[in-house]
Structures are given as C-alpha cells and as structure tokens.
C-alpha cells in the first residue's frame, strides 16, 4: 500500500516543480512567482525530489 502512495505523491511533487519552474521563467503568468529566478531554480530541484519519491515507490525489495 505504501508504494502507490509514494508514486502518487512523487508525481504530484514533479508536477508542482515543473509548474514552479515554468512560472519562474515566465511561461505561466498570474502569480508573484512569475519571472522570479528563485522559482526557476527551485522548481527543477523540487521536481527531482518528486522523481526520487517515484523511484523509491517503484523500487522492488528483495524478498527475504
């Protein structure tokens, strides 16, 4: 049960990171984050954290 939850949360974090990056570089407007270099840098870092959660959720454990 834990694995699907990690994958779902990871996917959500990836989407959030991509949106933050796109706002930071000015492709998505309408927020205080638009055009901010901080979010252009933090967005991909956040997305990588989401990818790590997805990998953790998909990683198979050896059976003991």
C-alpha atoms as a PDB file:
ATOM      1  CA  UNK A   1       0.000   0.000   0.000  1.00  0.00           C
ATOM      2  CA  UNK A   2       2.885   2.347   0.718  1.00  0.00           C
ATOM      3  CA  UNK A   3       4.352   2.134  -2.779  1.00  0.00           C
ATOM      4  CA  UNK A   4       1.365   3.512  -4.724  1.00  0.00           C
ATOM      5  CA  UNK A   5       1.106   6.381  -2.251  1.00  0.00           C
ATOM      6  CA  UNK A   6       4.778   7.281  -2.752  1.00  0.00           C
ATOM      7  CA  UNK A   7       4.377   7.166  -6.529  1.00  0.00           C
ATOM      8  CA  UNK A   8       1.265   9.362  -6.414  1.00  0.00           C
ATOM      9  CA  UNK A   9       2.856  11.909  -4.084  1.00  0.00           C
ATOM     10  CA  UNK A  10       6.022  11.862  -6.189  1.00  0.00           C
ATOM     11  CA  UNK A  11       4.044  12.543  -9.358  1.00  0.00           C
ATOM     12  CA  UNK A  12       2.267  15.447  -7.680  1.00  0.00           C
ATOM     13  CA  UNK A  13       5.586  16.895  -6.497  1.00  0.00           C
ATOM     14  CA  UNK A  14       7.030  16.580 -10.024  1.00  0.00           C
ATOM     15  CA  UNK A  15       4.060  18.465 -11.478  1.00  0.00           C
ATOM     16  CA  UNK A  16       4.384  21.160  -8.820  1.00  0.00           C
ATOM     17  CA  UNK A  17       8.103  21.524  -9.516  1.00  0.00           C
ATOM     18  CA  UNK A  18       7.515  21.872 -13.252  1.00  0.00           C
ATOM     19  CA  UNK A  19       4.791  24.474 -12.688  1.00  0.00           C
ATOM     20  CA  UNK A  20       7.058  26.408 -10.322  1.00  0.00           C
ATOM     21  CA  UNK A  21       9.860  26.342 -12.896  1.00  0.00           C
ATOM     22  CA  UNK A  22       7.564  27.488 -15.700  1.00  0.00           C
ATOM     23  CA  UNK A  23       6.311  30.329 -13.523  1.00  0.00           C
ATOM     24  CA  UNK A  24       9.869  31.242 -12.627  1.00  0.00           C
ATOM     25  CA  UNK A  25      10.925  31.522 -16.259  1.00  0.00           C
ATOM     26  CA  UNK A  26       7.781  33.474 -17.096  1.00  0.00           C
ATOM     27  CA  UNK A  27       5.875  30.970 -19.248  1.00  0.00           C
ATOM     28  CA  UNK A  28       2.973  30.802 -16.790  1.00  0.00           C
ATOM     29  CA  UNK A  29       1.807  34.160 -15.533  1.00  0.00           C
ATOM     30  CA  UNK A  30      -0.517  35.401 -12.866  1.00  0.00           C
ATOM     31  CA  UNK A  31       1.386  34.909  -9.643  1.00  0.00           C
ATOM     32  CA  UNK A  32       4.096  36.519  -7.562  1.00  0.00           C
ATOM     33  CA  UNK A  33       6.396  33.692  -8.678  1.00  0.00           C
ATOM     34  CA  UNK A  34       6.207  34.750 -12.337  1.00  0.00           C
ATOM     35  CA  UNK A  35       9.582  35.864 -13.632  1.00  0.00           C
ATOM     36  CA  UNK A  36      11.383  35.052 -10.385  1.00  0.00           C
ATOM     37  CA  UNK A  37      14.779  33.418 -10.816  1.00  0.00           C
ATOM     38  CA  UNK A  38      14.391  31.787  -7.400  1.00  0.00           C
ATOM     39  CA  UNK A  39      11.485  29.646  -8.622  1.00  0.00           C
ATOM     40  CA  UNK A  40      13.212  28.957 -11.929  1.00  0.00           C
ATOM     41  CA  UNK A  41      15.970  27.322  -9.867  1.00  0.00           C
ATOM     42  CA  UNK A  42      13.884  25.728  -7.101  1.00  0.00           C
ATOM     43  CA  UNK A  43      11.314  24.228  -9.484  1.00  0.00           C
ATOM     44  CA  UNK A  44      13.623  21.630 -11.046  1.00  0.00           C
ATOM     45  CA  UNK A  45      15.085  20.794  -7.630  1.00  0.00           C
ATOM     46  CA  UNK A  46      11.584  20.151  -6.295  1.00  0.00           C
ATOM     47  CA  UNK A  47      10.767  18.072  -9.391  1.00  0.00           C
ATOM     48  CA  UNK A  48      13.875  15.950  -8.811  1.00  0.00           C
ATOM     49  CA  UNK A  49      12.668  15.306  -5.278  1.00  0.00           C
ATOM     50  CA  UNK A  50       9.416  14.045  -6.765  1.00  0.00           C
ATOM     51  CA  UNK A  51      11.311  11.779  -9.143  1.00  0.00           C
ATOM     52  CA  UNK A  52      13.201  10.374  -6.155  1.00  0.00           C
ATOM     53  CA  UNK A  53       9.888   9.581  -4.444  1.00  0.00           C
ATOM     54  CA  UNK A  54       8.622   7.844  -7.577  1.00  0.00           C
ATOM     55  CA  UNK A  55      11.794   5.768  -7.846  1.00  0.00           C
ATOM     56  CA  UNK A  56      11.560   4.889  -4.167  1.00  0.00           C
ATOM     57  CA  UNK A  57       7.954   3.824  -4.647  1.00  0.00           C
ATOM     58  CA  UNK A  58       8.710   1.724  -7.727  1.00  0.00           C
ATOM     59  CA  UNK A  59      11.861   0.109  -6.402  1.00  0.00           C
ATOM     60  CA  UNK A  60      11.344  -3.554  -5.724  1.00  0.00           C
ATOM     61  CA  UNK A  61      12.538  -5.029  -2.478  1.00  0.00           C
ATOM     62  CA  UNK A  62      14.239  -8.381  -2.443  1.00  0.00           C
ATOM     63  CA  UNK A  63      12.095 -10.997  -0.727  1.00  0.00           C
ATOM     64  CA  UNK A  64      13.596 -12.447   2.409  1.00  0.00           C
END
